[in-house]
Amino acid sequence: EGKRFNESTKGWVVGKTHETTKEILQTYLLGSRYDIGTGMIPK
């Protein structure tokens, strides 16, 4: 029921450091850095 975009988007995900962005946000969204596509966005 939240906000929807009916077009392709540009988004930022931002952490405190590059390392925390990689370890937390990147992992949740894209999956393991050794297997991109195993996160919330399918390969």
Full PDB file with SEQRES, HELIX, SHEET, SSBOND, CRYST1, ORIGX, SCALE, CONECT and MASTER records, all heavy atoms in Angstrom:
SEQRES   1 A   43  GLU GLY LYS ARG PHE ASN GLU SER THR LYS GLY TRP VAL          
SEQRES   2 A   43  VAL GLY LYS THR HIS GLU THR THR LYS GLU ILE LEU GLN          
SEQRES   3 A   43  THR TYR LEU LEU GLY SER ARG TYR ASP ILE GLY THR GLY          
SEQRES   4 A   43  MET ILE PRO LYS                                              
HELIX    1 AA1 HIS A   18  THR A   20  1                                   3    
HELIX    2 AA2 THR A   21  GLN A   26  3                                   6    
HELIX    3 AA3 THR A   27  LEU A   30  1                                   4    
CRYST1    1.000    1.000    1.000  90.00  90.00  90.00 P 1           1          
ORIGX1      1.000000  0.000000  0.000000        0.00000                         
ORIGX2      0.000000  1.000000  0.000000        0.00000                         
ORIGX3      0.000000  0.000000  1.000000        0.00000                         
SCALE1      1.000000  0.000000  0.000000        0.00000                         
SCALE2      0.000000  1.000000  0.000000        0.00000                         
SCALE3      0.000000  0.000000  1.000000        0.00000                         
ATOM      1  N   GLU A   1       0.806  -1.207   0.000  1.00  0.00           N  
ATOM      2  CA  GLU A   1       0.000   0.000   0.000  1.00  0.00           C  
ATOM      3  C   GLU A   1       0.845   1.266   0.000  1.00  0.00           C  
ATOM      4  O   GLU A   1       0.315   2.371   0.052  1.00  0.00           O  
ATOM      5  CB  GLU A   1      -0.932   0.010   1.221  1.00  0.00           C  
ATOM      6  CG  GLU A   1      -1.944  -1.124   1.224  1.00  0.00           C  
ATOM      7  CD  GLU A   1      -2.866  -1.089   2.429  1.00  0.00           C  
ATOM      8  OE1 GLU A   1      -2.661  -0.214   3.302  1.00  0.00           O  
ATOM      9  OE2 GLU A   1      -3.775  -1.936   2.508  1.00  0.00           O  
ATOM     10  N   GLY A   2       2.140   1.108  -0.059  1.00  0.00           N  
ATOM     11  CA  GLY A   2       3.042   2.253  -0.021  1.00  0.00           C  
ATOM     12  C   GLY A   2       3.258   2.873  -1.385  1.00  0.00           C  
ATOM     13  O   GLY A   2       2.546   2.588  -2.357  1.00  0.00           O  
ATOM     14  N   LYS A   3       4.247   3.730  -1.459  1.00  0.00           N  
ATOM     15  CA  LYS A   3       4.601   4.428  -2.691  1.00  0.00           C  
ATOM     16  C   LYS A   3       4.926   3.433  -3.800  1.00  0.00           C  
ATOM     17  O   LYS A   3       5.594   2.421  -3.572  1.00  0.00           O  
ATOM     18  CB  LYS A   3       5.805   5.337  -2.427  1.00  0.00           C  
ATOM     19  CG  LYS A   3       6.378   6.025  -3.634  1.00  0.00           C  
ATOM     20  CD  LYS A   3       5.511   7.151  -4.122  1.00  0.00           C  
ATOM     21  CE  LYS A   3       6.208   7.943  -5.219  1.00  0.00           C  
ATOM     22  NZ  LYS A   3       5.368   9.036  -5.747  1.00  0.00           N  
ATOM     23  N   ARG A   4       4.451   3.717  -5.009  1.00  0.00           N  
ATOM     24  CA  ARG A   4       4.775   2.927  -6.196  1.00  0.00           C  
ATOM     25  C   ARG A   4       5.303   3.847  -7.293  1.00  0.00           C  
ATOM     26  O   ARG A   4       4.804   4.957  -7.460  1.00  0.00           O  
ATOM     27  CB  ARG A   4       3.548   2.184  -6.725  1.00  0.00           C  
ATOM     28  CG  ARG A   4       3.057   1.027  -5.860  1.00  0.00           C  
ATOM     29  CD  ARG A   4       1.768   0.453  -6.436  1.00  0.00           C  
ATOM     30  NE  ARG A   4       1.242  -0.630  -5.624  1.00  0.00           N  
ATOM     31  CZ  ARG A   4       1.276  -1.917  -5.958  1.00  0.00           C  
ATOM     32  NH1 ARG A   4       1.784  -2.267  -7.123  1.00  0.00           N  
ATOM     33  NH2 ARG A   4       0.779  -2.844  -5.150  1.00  0.00           N  
ATOM     34  N   PHE A   5       6.289   3.348  -8.010  1.00  0.00           N  
ATOM     35  CA  PHE A   5       6.777   4.045  -9.196  1.00  0.00           C  
ATOM     36  C   PHE A   5       6.402   3.214 -10.415  1.00  0.00           C  
ATOM     37  O   PHE A   5       6.730   2.032 -10.486  1.00  0.00           O  
ATOM     38  CB  PHE A   5       8.295   4.218  -9.140  1.00  0.00           C  
ATOM     39  CG  PHE A   5       8.770   5.124  -8.040  1.00  0.00           C  
ATOM     40  CD1 PHE A   5       9.235   4.593  -6.844  1.00  0.00           C  
ATOM     41  CD2 PHE A   5       8.761   6.503  -8.203  1.00  0.00           C  
ATOM     42  CE1 PHE A   5       9.682   5.432  -5.821  1.00  0.00           C  
ATOM     43  CE2 PHE A   5       9.208   7.343  -7.200  1.00  0.00           C  
ATOM     44  CZ  PHE A   5       9.659   6.808  -5.996  1.00  0.00           C  
ATOM     45  N   ASN A   6       5.729   3.813 -11.371  1.00  0.00           N  
ATOM     46  CA  ASN A   6       5.336   3.117 -12.587  1.00  0.00           C  
ATOM     47  C   ASN A   6       6.304   3.413 -13.723  1.00  0.00           C  
ATOM     48  O   ASN A   6       5.904   3.568 -14.886  1.00  0.00           O  
ATOM     49  CB  ASN A   6       3.905   3.511 -12.972  1.00  0.00           C  
ATOM     50  CG  ASN A   6       2.894   3.013 -11.962  1.00  0.00           C  
ATOM     51  OD1 ASN A   6       2.994   1.884 -11.482  1.00  0.00           O  
ATOM     52  ND2 ASN A   6       1.942   3.853 -11.624  1.00  0.00           N  
ATOM     53  N   GLU A   7       7.567   3.492 -13.373  1.00  0.00           N  
ATOM     54  CA  GLU A   7       8.641   3.718 -14.335  1.00  0.00           C  
ATOM     55  C   GLU A   7       9.933   3.240 -13.699  1.00  0.00           C  
ATOM     56  O   GLU A   7      10.002   3.010 -12.488  1.00  0.00           O  
ATOM     57  CB  GLU A   7       8.756   5.210 -14.656  1.00  0.00           C  
ATOM     58  CG  GLU A   7       9.070   6.059 -13.437  1.00  0.00           C  
ATOM     59  CD  GLU A   7       9.133   7.550 -13.750  1.00  0.00           C  
ATOM     60  OE1 GLU A   7       9.114   7.901 -14.935  1.00  0.00           O  
ATOM     61  OE2 GLU A   7       9.220   8.353 -12.801  1.00  0.00           O  
ATOM     62  N   SER A   8      10.950   3.051 -14.518  1.00  0.00           N  
ATOM     63  CA  SER A   8      12.252   2.679 -13.970  1.00  0.00           C  
ATOM     64  C   SER A   8      12.757   3.795 -13.066  1.00  0.00           C  
ATOM     65  O   SER A   8      12.420   4.967 -13.252  1.00  0.00           O  
ATOM     66  CB  SER A   8      13.246   2.396 -15.098  1.00  0.00           C  
ATOM     67  OG  SER A   8      13.355   3.509 -15.967  1.00  0.00           O  
ATOM     68  N   THR A   9      13.547   3.441 -12.086  1.00  0.00           N  
ATOM     69  CA  THR A   9      13.942   4.389 -11.047  1.00  0.00           C  
ATOM     70  C   THR A   9      15.460   4.459 -10.893  1.00  0.00           C  
ATOM     71  O   THR A   9      16.190   3.560 -11.309  1.00  0.00           O  
ATOM     72  CB  THR A   9      13.343   4.001  -9.686  1.00  0.00           C  
ATOM     73  OG1 THR A   9      13.883   2.729  -9.276  1.00  0.00           O  
ATOM     74  CG2 THR A   9      11.828   3.919  -9.743  1.00  0.00           C  
ATOM     75  N   LYS A  10      15.881   5.547 -10.263  1.00  0.00           N  
ATOM     76  CA  LYS A  10      17.250   5.664  -9.769  1.00  0.00           C  
ATOM     77  C   LYS A  10      17.158   5.769  -8.255  1.00  0.00           C  
ATOM     78  O   LYS A  10      16.427   6.610  -7.724  1.00  0.00           O  
ATOM     79  CB  LYS A  10      17.959   6.888 -10.331  1.00  0.00           C  
ATOM     80  CG  LYS A  10      19.378   7.081  -9.772  1.00  0.00           C  
ATOM     81  CD  LYS A  10      20.033   8.351 -10.282  1.00  0.00           C  
ATOM     82  CE  LYS A  10      20.489   8.185 -11.701  1.00  0.00           C  
ATOM     83  NZ  LYS A  10      21.303   9.352 -12.163  1.00  0.00           N  
ATOM     84  N   GLY A  11      17.877   4.889  -7.558  1.00  0.00           N  
ATOM     85  CA  GLY A  11      17.832   4.897  -6.104  1.00  0.00           C  
ATOM     86  C   GLY A  11      19.216   4.867  -5.489  1.00  0.00           C  
ATOM     87  O   GLY A  11      20.182   4.414  -6.120  1.00  0.00           O  
ATOM     88  N   TRP A  12      19.294   5.390  -4.285  1.00  0.00           N  
ATOM     89  CA  TRP A  12      20.530   5.338  -3.505  1.00  0.00           C  
ATOM     90  C   TRP A  12      20.289   4.514  -2.260  1.00  0.00           C  
ATOM     91  O   TRP A  12      19.271   4.690  -1.565  1.00  0.00           O  
ATOM     92  CB  TRP A  12      20.958   6.730  -3.052  1.00  0.00           C  
ATOM     93  CG  TRP A  12      21.388   7.683  -4.117  1.00  0.00           C  
ATOM     94  CD1 TRP A  12      21.641   7.417  -5.436  1.00  0.00           C  
ATOM     95  CD2 TRP A  12      21.637   9.092  -3.940  1.00  0.00           C  
ATOM     96  NE1 TRP A  12      22.035   8.550  -6.090  1.00  0.00           N  
ATOM     97  CE2 TRP A  12      22.035   9.600  -5.209  1.00  0.00           C  
ATOM     98  CE3 TRP A  12      21.560   9.953  -2.861  1.00  0.00           C  
ATOM     99  CZ2 TRP A  12      22.350  10.942  -5.400  1.00  0.00           C  
ATOM    100  CZ3 TRP A  12      21.870  11.292  -3.042  1.00  0.00           C  
ATOM    101  CH2 TRP A  12      22.265  11.778  -4.302  1.00  0.00           C  
ATOM    102  N   VAL A  13      21.227   3.618  -1.948  1.00  0.00           N  
ATOM    103  CA  VAL A  13      21.257   2.980  -0.634  1.00  0.00           C  
ATOM    104  C   VAL A  13      22.550   3.415   0.028  1.00  0.00           C  
ATOM    105  O   VAL A  13      23.628   3.328  -0.575  1.00  0.00           O  
ATOM    106  CB  VAL A  13      21.134   1.443  -0.723  1.00  0.00           C  
ATOM    107  CG1 VAL A  13      19.726   1.029  -1.091  1.00  0.00           C  
ATOM    108  CG2 VAL A  13      22.113   0.851  -1.721  1.00  0.00           C  
ATOM    109  N   VAL A  14      22.434   3.889   1.251  1.00  0.00           N  
ATOM    110  CA  VAL A  14      23.552   4.598   1.878  1.00  0.00           C  
ATOM    111  C   VAL A  14      23.813   4.051   3.274  1.00  0.00           C  
ATOM    112  O   VAL A  14      22.907   3.995   4.119  1.00  0.00           O  
ATOM    113  CB  VAL A  14      23.243   6.114   1.976  1.00  0.00           C  
ATOM    114  CG1 VAL A  14      24.472   6.871   2.462  1.00  0.00           C  
ATOM    115  CG2 VAL A  14      22.750   6.680   0.647  1.00  0.00           C  
ATOM    116  N   GLY A  15      25.050   3.654   3.525  1.00  0.00           N  
ATOM    117  CA  GLY A  15      25.460   3.202   4.844  1.00  0.00           C  
ATOM    118  C   GLY A  15      26.464   4.154   5.473  1.00  0.00           C  
ATOM    119  O   GLY A  15      26.901   5.127   4.848  1.00  0.00           O  
ATOM    120  N   LYS A  16      26.867   3.852   6.694  1.00  0.00           N  
ATOM    121  CA  LYS A  16      27.812   4.727   7.398  1.00  0.00           C  
ATOM    122  C   LYS A  16      29.175   4.720   6.731  1.00  0.00           C  
ATOM    123  O   LYS A  16      29.837   5.750   6.636  1.00  0.00           O  
ATOM    124  CB  LYS A  16      27.945   4.291   8.861  1.00  0.00           C  
ATOM    125  CG  LYS A  16      26.683   4.504   9.676  1.00  0.00           C  
ATOM    126  CD  LYS A  16      26.927   4.286  11.163  1.00  0.00           C  
ATOM    127  CE  LYS A  16      27.718   5.433  11.752  1.00  0.00           C  
ATOM    128  NZ  LYS A  16      27.791   5.365  13.226  1.00  0.00           N  
ATOM    129  N   THR A  17      29.617   3.552   6.291  1.00  0.00           N  
ATOM    130  CA  THR A  17      30.912   3.425   5.619  1.00  0.00           C  
ATOM    131  C   THR A  17      30.719   2.585   4.364  1.00  0.00           C  
ATOM    132  O   THR A  17      29.687   1.924   4.185  1.00  0.00           O  
ATOM    133  CB  THR A  17      31.957   2.743   6.520  1.00  0.00           C  
ATOM    134  OG1 THR A  17      31.556   1.377   6.725  1.00  0.00           O  
ATOM    135  CG2 THR A  17      32.076   3.452   7.870  1.00  0.00           C  
ATOM    136  N   HIS A  18      31.712   2.583   3.487  1.00  0.00           N  
ATOM    137  CA  HIS A  18      31.644   1.722   2.307  1.00  0.00           C  
ATOM    138  C   HIS A  18      31.546   0.256   2.719  1.00  0.00           C  
ATOM    139  O   HIS A  18      30.854  -0.536   2.069  1.00  0.00           O  
ATOM    140  CB  HIS A  18      32.877   1.928   1.427  1.00  0.00           C  
ATOM    141  CG  HIS A  18      32.977   3.302   0.840  1.00  0.00           C  
ATOM    142  ND1 HIS A  18      31.929   3.909   0.185  1.00  0.00           N  
ATOM    143  CD2 HIS A  18      34.007   4.192   0.805  1.00  0.00           C  
ATOM    144  CE1 HIS A  18      32.303   5.105  -0.237  1.00  0.00           C  
ATOM    145  NE2 HIS A  18      33.557   5.311   0.133  1.00  0.00           N  
ATOM    146  N   GLU A  19      32.235  -0.100   3.796  1.00  0.00           N  
ATOM    147  CA  GLU A  19      32.256  -1.489   4.234  1.00  0.00           C  
ATOM    148  C   GLU A  19      30.884  -1.929   4.766  1.00  0.00           C  
ATOM    149  O   GLU A  19      30.423  -3.031   4.449  1.00  0.00           O  
ATOM    150  CB  GLU A  19      33.326  -1.700   5.308  1.00  0.00           C  
ATOM    151  CG  GLU A  19      34.760  -1.671   4.791  1.00  0.00           C  
ATOM    152  CD  GLU A  19      35.255  -0.255   4.481  1.00  0.00           C  
ATOM    153  OE1 GLU A  19      34.601   0.731   4.892  1.00  0.00           O  
ATOM    154  OE2 GLU A  19      36.304  -0.136   3.816  1.00  0.00           O  
ATOM    155  N   THR A  20      30.227  -1.084   5.570  1.00  0.00           N  
ATOM    156  CA  THR A  20      28.910  -1.476   6.076  1.00  0.00           C  
ATOM    157  C   THR A  20      27.866  -1.487   4.957  1.00  0.00           C  
ATOM    158  O   THR A  20      26.961  -2.324   4.955  1.00  0.00           O  
ATOM    159  CB  THR A  20      28.443  -0.549   7.213  1.00  0.00           C  
ATOM    160  OG1 THR A  20      28.390   0.806   6.744  1.00  0.00           O  
ATOM    161  CG2 THR A  20      29.376  -0.637   8.409  1.00  0.00           C  
ATOM    162  N   THR A  21      28.017  -0.580   4.000  1.00  0.00           N  
ATOM    163  CA  THR A  21      27.123  -0.608   2.841  1.00  0.00           C  
ATOM    164  C   THR A  21      27.269  -1.935   2.111  1.00  0.00           C  
ATOM    165  O   THR A  21      26.275  -2.562   1.722  1.00  0.00           O  
ATOM    166  CB  THR A  21      27.434   0.559   1.888  1.00  0.00           C  
ATOM    167  OG1 THR A  21      27.273   1.792   2.587  1.00  0.00           O  
ATOM    168  CG2 THR A  21      26.493   0.546   0.688  1.00  0.00           C  
ATOM    169  N   LYS A  22      28.506  -2.369   1.927  1.00  0.00           N  
ATOM    170  CA  LYS A  22      28.770  -3.633   1.230  1.00  0.00           C  
ATOM    171  C   LYS A  22      28.253  -4.827   2.027  1.00  0.00           C  
ATOM    172  O   LYS A  22      27.547  -5.688   1.483  1.00  0.00           O  
ATOM    173  CB  LYS A  22      30.275  -3.789   0.983  1.00  0.00           C  
ATOM    174  CG  LYS A  22      30.664  -5.114   0.338  1.00  0.00           C  
ATOM    175  CD  LYS A  22      32.175  -5.251   0.210  1.00  0.00           C  
ATOM    176  CE  LYS A  22      32.836  -5.527   1.554  1.00  0.00           C  
ATOM    177  NZ  LYS A  22      34.280  -5.836   1.427  1.00  0.00           N  
ATOM    178  N   GLU A  23      28.590  -4.869   3.291  1.00  0.00           N  
ATOM    179  CA  GLU A  23      28.276  -6.055   4.091  1.00  0.00           C  
ATOM    180  C   GLU A  23      26.794  -6.199   4.384  1.00  0.00           C  
ATOM    181  O   GLU A  23      26.283  -7.321   4.500  1.00  0.00           O  
ATOM    182  CB  GLU A  23      29.068  -6.014   5.404  1.00  0.00           C  
ATOM    183  CG  GLU A  23      30.565  -6.087   5.245  1.00  0.00           C  
ATOM    184  CD  GLU A  23      31.035  -7.396   4.637  1.00  0.00           C  
ATOM    185  OE1 GLU A  23      30.325  -8.416   4.795  1.00  0.00           O  
ATOM    186  OE2 GLU A  23      32.104  -7.405   4.002  1.00  0.00           O  
ATOM    187  N   ILE A  24      26.075  -5.089   4.504  1.00  0.00           N  
ATOM    188  CA  ILE A  24      24.662  -5.160   4.896  1.00  0.00           C  
ATOM    189  C   ILE A  24      23.738  -4.915   3.711  1.00  0.00           C  
ATOM    190  O   ILE A  24      23.019  -5.816   3.261  1.00  0.00           O  
ATOM    191  CB  ILE A  24      24.374  -4.148   6.024  1.00  0.00           C  
ATOM    192  CG1 ILE A  24      25.245  -4.445   7.252  1.00  0.00           C  
ATOM    193  CG2 ILE A  24      22.883  -4.182   6.403  1.00  0.00           C  
ATOM    194  CD1 ILE A  24      25.203  -3.378   8.330  1.00  0.00           C  
ATOM    195  N   LEU A  25      23.752  -3.718   3.167  1.00  0.00           N  
ATOM    196  CA  LEU A  25      22.765  -3.334   2.159  1.00  0.00           C  
ATOM    197  C   LEU A  25      22.995  -4.056   0.835  1.00  0.00           C  
ATOM    198  O   LEU A  25      22.045  -4.578   0.235  1.00  0.00           O  
ATOM    199  CB  LEU A  25      22.801  -1.815   1.962  1.00  0.00           C  
ATOM    200  CG  LEU A  25      22.646  -0.990   3.244  1.00  0.00           C  
ATOM    201  CD1 LEU A  25      22.828   0.489   2.949  1.00  0.00           C  
ATOM    202  CD2 LEU A  25      21.305  -1.243   3.900  1.00  0.00           C  
ATOM    203  N   GLN A  26      24.233  -4.084   0.376  1.00  0.00           N  
ATOM    204  CA  GLN A  26      24.544  -4.787  -0.866  1.00  0.00           C  
ATOM    205  C   GLN A  26      24.191  -6.264  -0.759  1.00  0.00           C  
ATOM    206  O   GLN A  26      23.629  -6.857  -1.691  1.00  0.00           O  
ATOM    207  CB  GLN A  26      26.021  -4.617  -1.192  1.00  0.00           C  
ATOM    208  CG  GLN A  26      26.485  -5.369  -2.437  1.00  0.00           C  
ATOM    209  CD  GLN A  26      27.976  -5.228  -2.672  1.00  0.00           C  
ATOM    210  OE1 GLN A  26      28.527  -4.137  -2.568  1.00  0.00           O  
ATOM    211  NE2 GLN A  26      28.644  -6.328  -2.967  1.00  0.00           N  
ATOM    212  N   THR A  27      24.491  -6.873   0.388  1.00  0.00           N  
ATOM    213  CA  THR A  27      24.211  -8.296   0.570  1.00  0.00           C  
ATOM    214  C   THR A  27      22.717  -8.575   0.561  1.00  0.00           C  
ATOM    215  O   THR A  27      22.250  -9.528  -0.080  1.00  0.00           O  
ATOM    216  CB  THR A  27      24.845  -8.798   1.870  1.00  0.00           C  
ATOM    217  OG1 THR A  27      26.266  -8.610   1.807  1.00  0.00           O  
ATOM    218  CG2 THR A  27      24.543 -10.272   2.098  1.00  0.00           C  
ATOM    219  N   TYR A  28      21.942  -7.748   1.263  1.00  0.00           N  
ATOM    220  CA  TYR A  28      20.492  -7.954   1.262  1.00  0.00           C  
ATOM    221  C   TYR A  28      19.913  -7.839  -0.145  1.00  0.00           C  
ATOM    222  O   TYR A  28      19.068  -8.633  -0.551  1.00  0.00           O  
ATOM    223  CB  TYR A  28      19.809  -6.936   2.170  1.00  0.00           C  
ATOM    224  CG  TYR A  28      19.944  -7.194   3.647  1.00  0.00           C  
ATOM    225  CD1 TYR A  28      19.823  -6.150   4.569  1.00  0.00           C  
ATOM    226  CD2 TYR A  28      20.188  -8.467   4.149  1.00  0.00           C  
ATOM    227  CE1 TYR A  28      19.935  -6.375   5.933  1.00  0.00           C  
ATOM    228  CE2 TYR A  28      20.315  -8.699   5.505  1.00  0.00           C  
ATOM    229  CZ  TYR A  28      20.185  -7.649   6.393  1.00  0.00           C  
ATOM    230  OH  TYR A  28      20.295  -7.867   7.747  1.00  0.00           O  
ATOM    231  N   LEU A  29      20.346  -6.835  -0.888  1.00  0.00           N  
ATOM    232  CA  LEU A  29      19.736  -6.568  -2.192  1.00  0.00           C  
ATOM    233  C   LEU A  29      20.251  -7.490  -3.292  1.00  0.00           C  
ATOM    234  O   LEU A  29      19.466  -7.975  -4.121  1.00  0.00           O  
ATOM    235  CB  LEU A  29      19.973  -5.117  -2.594  1.00  0.00           C  
ATOM    236  CG  LEU A  29      19.140  -4.086  -1.831  1.00  0.00           C  
ATOM    237  CD1 LEU A  29      19.665  -2.679  -2.081  1.00  0.00           C  
ATOM    238  CD2 LEU A  29      17.679  -4.183  -2.235  1.00  0.00           C  
ATOM    239  N   LEU A  30      21.557  -7.725  -3.323  1.00  0.00           N  
ATOM    240  CA  LEU A  30      22.155  -8.457  -4.440  1.00  0.00           C  
ATOM    241  C   LEU A  30      22.624  -9.858  -4.083  1.00  0.00           C  
ATOM    242  O   LEU A  30      22.871 -10.667  -4.984  1.00  0.00           O  
ATOM    243  CB  LEU A  30      23.337  -7.664  -5.009  1.00  0.00           C  
ATOM    244  CG  LEU A  30      23.024  -6.238  -5.477  1.00  0.00           C  
ATOM    245  CD1 LEU A  30      24.296  -5.574  -6.006  1.00  0.00           C  
ATOM    246  CD2 LEU A  30      21.943  -6.231  -6.546  1.00  0.00           C  
ATOM    247  N   GLY A  31      22.775 -10.139  -2.790  1.00  0.00           N  
ATOM    248  CA  GLY A  31      23.248 -11.445  -2.369  1.00  0.00           C  
ATOM    249  C   GLY A  31      24.733 -11.445  -2.062  1.00  0.00           C  
ATOM    250  O   GLY A  31      25.386 -10.402  -1.999  1.00  0.00           O  
ATOM    251  N   SER A  32      25.262 -12.627  -1.891  1.00  0.00           N  
ATOM    252  CA  SER A  32      26.681 -12.788  -1.598  1.00  0.00           C  
ATOM    253  C   SER A  32      27.532 -12.144  -2.674  1.00  0.00           C  
ATOM    254  O   SER A  32      27.227 -12.228  -3.870  1.00  0.00           O  
ATOM    255  CB  SER A  32      27.025 -14.277  -1.501  1.00  0.00           C  
ATOM    256  OG  SER A  32      28.427 -14.469  -1.539  1.00  0.00           O  
ATOM    257  N   ARG A  33      28.596 -11.478  -2.279  1.00  0.00           N  
ATOM    258  CA  ARG A  33      29.481 -10.853  -3.268  1.00  0.00           C  
ATOM    259  C   ARG A  33      30.144 -11.898  -4.154  1.00  0.00           C  
ATOM    260  O   ARG A  33      30.698 -11.568  -5.201  1.00  0.00           O  
ATOM    261  CB  ARG A  33      30.518  -9.981  -2.572  1.00  0.00           C  
ATOM    262  CG  ARG A  33      31.369 -10.673  -1.528  1.00  0.00           C  
ATOM    263  CD  ARG A  33      32.169  -9.622  -0.766  1.00  0.00           C  
ATOM    264  NE  ARG A  33      33.036 -10.170   0.252  1.00  0.00           N  
ATOM    265  CZ  ARG A  33      32.658 -10.396   1.514  1.00  0.00           C  
ATOM    266  NH1 ARG A  33      31.411 -10.144   1.878  1.00  0.00           N  
ATOM    267  NH2 ARG A  33      33.510 -10.871   2.402  1.00  0.00           N  
ATOM    268  N   TYR A  34      30.098 -13.165  -3.741  1.00  0.00           N  
ATOM    269  CA  TYR A  34      30.641 -14.244  -4.559  1.00  0.00           C  
ATOM    270  C   TYR A  34      29.573 -14.868  -5.455  1.00  0.00           C  
ATOM    271  O   TYR A  34      29.878 -15.712  -6.287  1.00  0.00           O  
ATOM    272  CB  TYR A  34      31.257 -15.320  -3.672  1.00  0.00           C  
ATOM    273  CG  TYR A  34      32.302 -14.776  -2.736  1.00  0.00           C  
ATOM    274  CD1 TYR A  34      32.083 -14.778  -1.364  1.00  0.00           C  
ATOM    275  CD2 TYR A  34      33.497 -14.240  -3.223  1.00  0.00           C  
ATOM    276  CE1 TYR A  34      33.045 -14.266  -0.501  1.00  0.00           C  
ATOM    277  CE2 TYR A  34      34.450 -13.720  -2.361  1.00  0.00           C  
ATOM    278  CZ  TYR A  34      34.213 -13.744  -0.995  1.00  0.00           C  
ATOM    279  OH  TYR A  34      35.145 -13.215  -0.134  1.00  0.00           O  
ATOM    280  N   ASP A  35      28.315 -14.447  -5.261  1.00  0.00           N  
ATOM    281  CA  ASP A  35      27.222 -15.010  -6.052  1.00  0.00           C  
ATOM    282  C   ASP A  35      26.123 -13.957  -6.193  1.00  0.00           C  
ATOM    283  O   ASP A  35      25.040 -14.073  -5.610  1.00  0.00           O  
ATOM    284  CB  ASP A  35      26.685 -16.279  -5.388  1.00  0.00           C  
ATOM    285  CG  ASP A  35      25.750 -17.064  -6.302  1.00  0.00           C  
ATOM    286  OD1 ASP A  35      25.650 -16.706  -7.492  1.00  0.00           O  
ATOM    287  OD2 ASP A  35      25.125 -18.030  -5.829  1.00  0.00           O  
ATOM    288  N   ILE A  36      26.398 -12.899  -6.952  1.00  0.00           N  
ATOM    289  CA  ILE A  36      25.441 -11.817  -7.153  1.00  0.00           C  
ATOM    290  C   ILE A  36      24.157 -12.383  -7.774  1.00  0.00           C  
ATOM    291  O   ILE A  36      24.198 -13.155  -8.726  1.00  0.00           O  
ATOM    292  CB  ILE A  36      26.035 -10.731  -8.067  1.00  0.00           C  
ATOM    293  CG1 ILE A  36      27.241 -10.056  -7.390  1.00  0.00           C  
ATOM    294  CG2 ILE A  36      24.979  -9.694  -8.445  1.00  0.00           C  
ATOM    295  CD1 ILE A  36      26.897  -9.260  -6.159  1.00  0.00           C  
ATOM    296  N   GLY A  37      23.028 -11.979  -7.203  1.00  0.00           N  
ATOM    297  CA  GLY A  37      21.744 -12.465  -7.681  1.00  0.00           C  
ATOM    298  C   GLY A  37      21.070 -13.412  -6.722  1.00  0.00           C  
ATOM    299  O   GLY A  37      20.021 -13.984  -7.022  1.00  0.00           O  
ATOM    300  N   THR A  38      21.644 -13.571  -5.528  1.00  0.00           N  
ATOM    301  CA  THR A  38      21.049 -14.442  -4.513  1.00  0.00           C  
ATOM    302  C   THR A  38      20.402 -13.630  -3.392  1.00  0.00           C  
ATOM    303  O   THR A  38      20.078 -14.163  -2.342  1.00  0.00           O  
ATOM    304  CB  THR A  38      22.113 -15.393  -3.921  1.00  0.00           C  
ATOM    305  OG1 THR A  38      23.224 -14.615  -3.438  1.00  0.00           O  
ATOM    306  CG2 THR A  38      22.617 -16.367  -4.980  1.00  0.00           C  
ATOM    307  N   GLY A  39      20.229 -12.320  -3.640  1.00  0.00           N  
ATOM    308  CA  GLY A  39      19.568 -11.466  -2.661  1.00  0.00           C  
ATOM    309  C   GLY A  39      18.114 -11.233  -3.021  1.00  0.00           C  
ATOM    310  O   GLY A  39      17.464 -12.070  -3.670  1.00  0.00           O  
ATOM    311  N   MET A  40      17.573 -10.096  -2.632  1.00  0.00           N  
ATOM    312  CA  MET A  40      16.166  -9.798  -2.855  1.00  0.00           C  
ATOM    313  C   MET A  40      15.833  -9.546  -4.323  1.00  0.00           C  
ATOM    314  O   MET A  40      14.696  -9.725  -4.743  1.00  0.00           O  
ATOM    315  CB  MET A  40      15.767  -8.592  -2.007  1.00  0.00           C  
ATOM    316  CG  MET A  40      15.837  -8.857  -0.519  1.00  0.00           C  
ATOM    317  SD  MET A  40      15.478  -7.379   0.440  1.00  0.00           S  
ATOM    318  CE  MET A  40      15.579  -8.065   2.113  1.00  0.00           C  
ATOM    319  N   ILE A  41      16.806  -9.087  -5.091  1.00  0.00           N  
ATOM    320  CA  ILE A  41      16.599  -8.895  -6.525  1.00  0.00           C  
ATOM    321  C   ILE A  41      17.129 -10.129  -7.242  1.00  0.00           C  
ATOM    322  O   ILE A  41      18.308 -10.466  -7.137  1.00  0.00           O  
ATOM    323  CB  ILE A  41      17.311  -7.625  -7.022  1.00  0.00           C  
ATOM    324  CG1 ILE A  41      16.750  -6.398  -6.289  1.00  0.00           C  
ATOM    325  CG2 ILE A  41      17.149  -7.475  -8.530  1.00  0.00           C  
ATOM    326  CD1 ILE A  41      17.471  -5.115  -6.603  1.00  0.00           C  
ATOM    327  N   PRO A  42      16.266 -10.847  -7.970  1.00  0.00           N  
ATOM    328  CA  PRO A  42      16.700 -12.115  -8.578  1.00  0.00           C  
ATOM    329  C   PRO A  42      17.758 -11.925  -9.655  1.00  0.00           C  
ATOM    330  O   PRO A  42      17.811 -10.890 -10.334  1.00  0.00           O  
ATOM    331  CB  PRO A  42      15.400 -12.678  -9.166  1.00  0.00           C  
ATOM    332  CG  PRO A  42      14.481 -11.516  -9.300  1.00  0.00           C  
ATOM    333  CD  PRO A  42      14.860 -10.547  -8.217  1.00  0.00           C  
ATOM    334  N   LYS A  43      18.591 -12.940  -9.792  1.00  0.00           N  
ATOM    335  CA  LYS A  43      19.704 -12.888 -10.740  1.00  0.00           C  
ATOM    336  C   LYS A  43      19.236 -12.597 -12.159  1.00  0.00           C  
ATOM    337  O   LYS A  43      19.882 -11.835 -12.897  1.00  0.00           O  
ATOM    338  CB  LYS A  43      20.463 -14.215 -10.708  1.00  0.00           C  
ATOM    339  CG  LYS A  43      21.655 -14.282 -11.637  1.00  0.00           C  
ATOM    340  CD  LYS A  43      22.425 -15.581 -11.472  1.00  0.00           C  
ATOM    341  CE  LYS A  43      23.127 -15.640 -10.143  1.00  0.00           C  
ATOM    342  NZ  LYS A  43      24.033 -16.815 -10.017  1.00  0.00           N  
TER     343      LYS A  43                                                      
MASTER        0    0    0    3    0    0    0    6  342    1    0    4          
END                                                                             
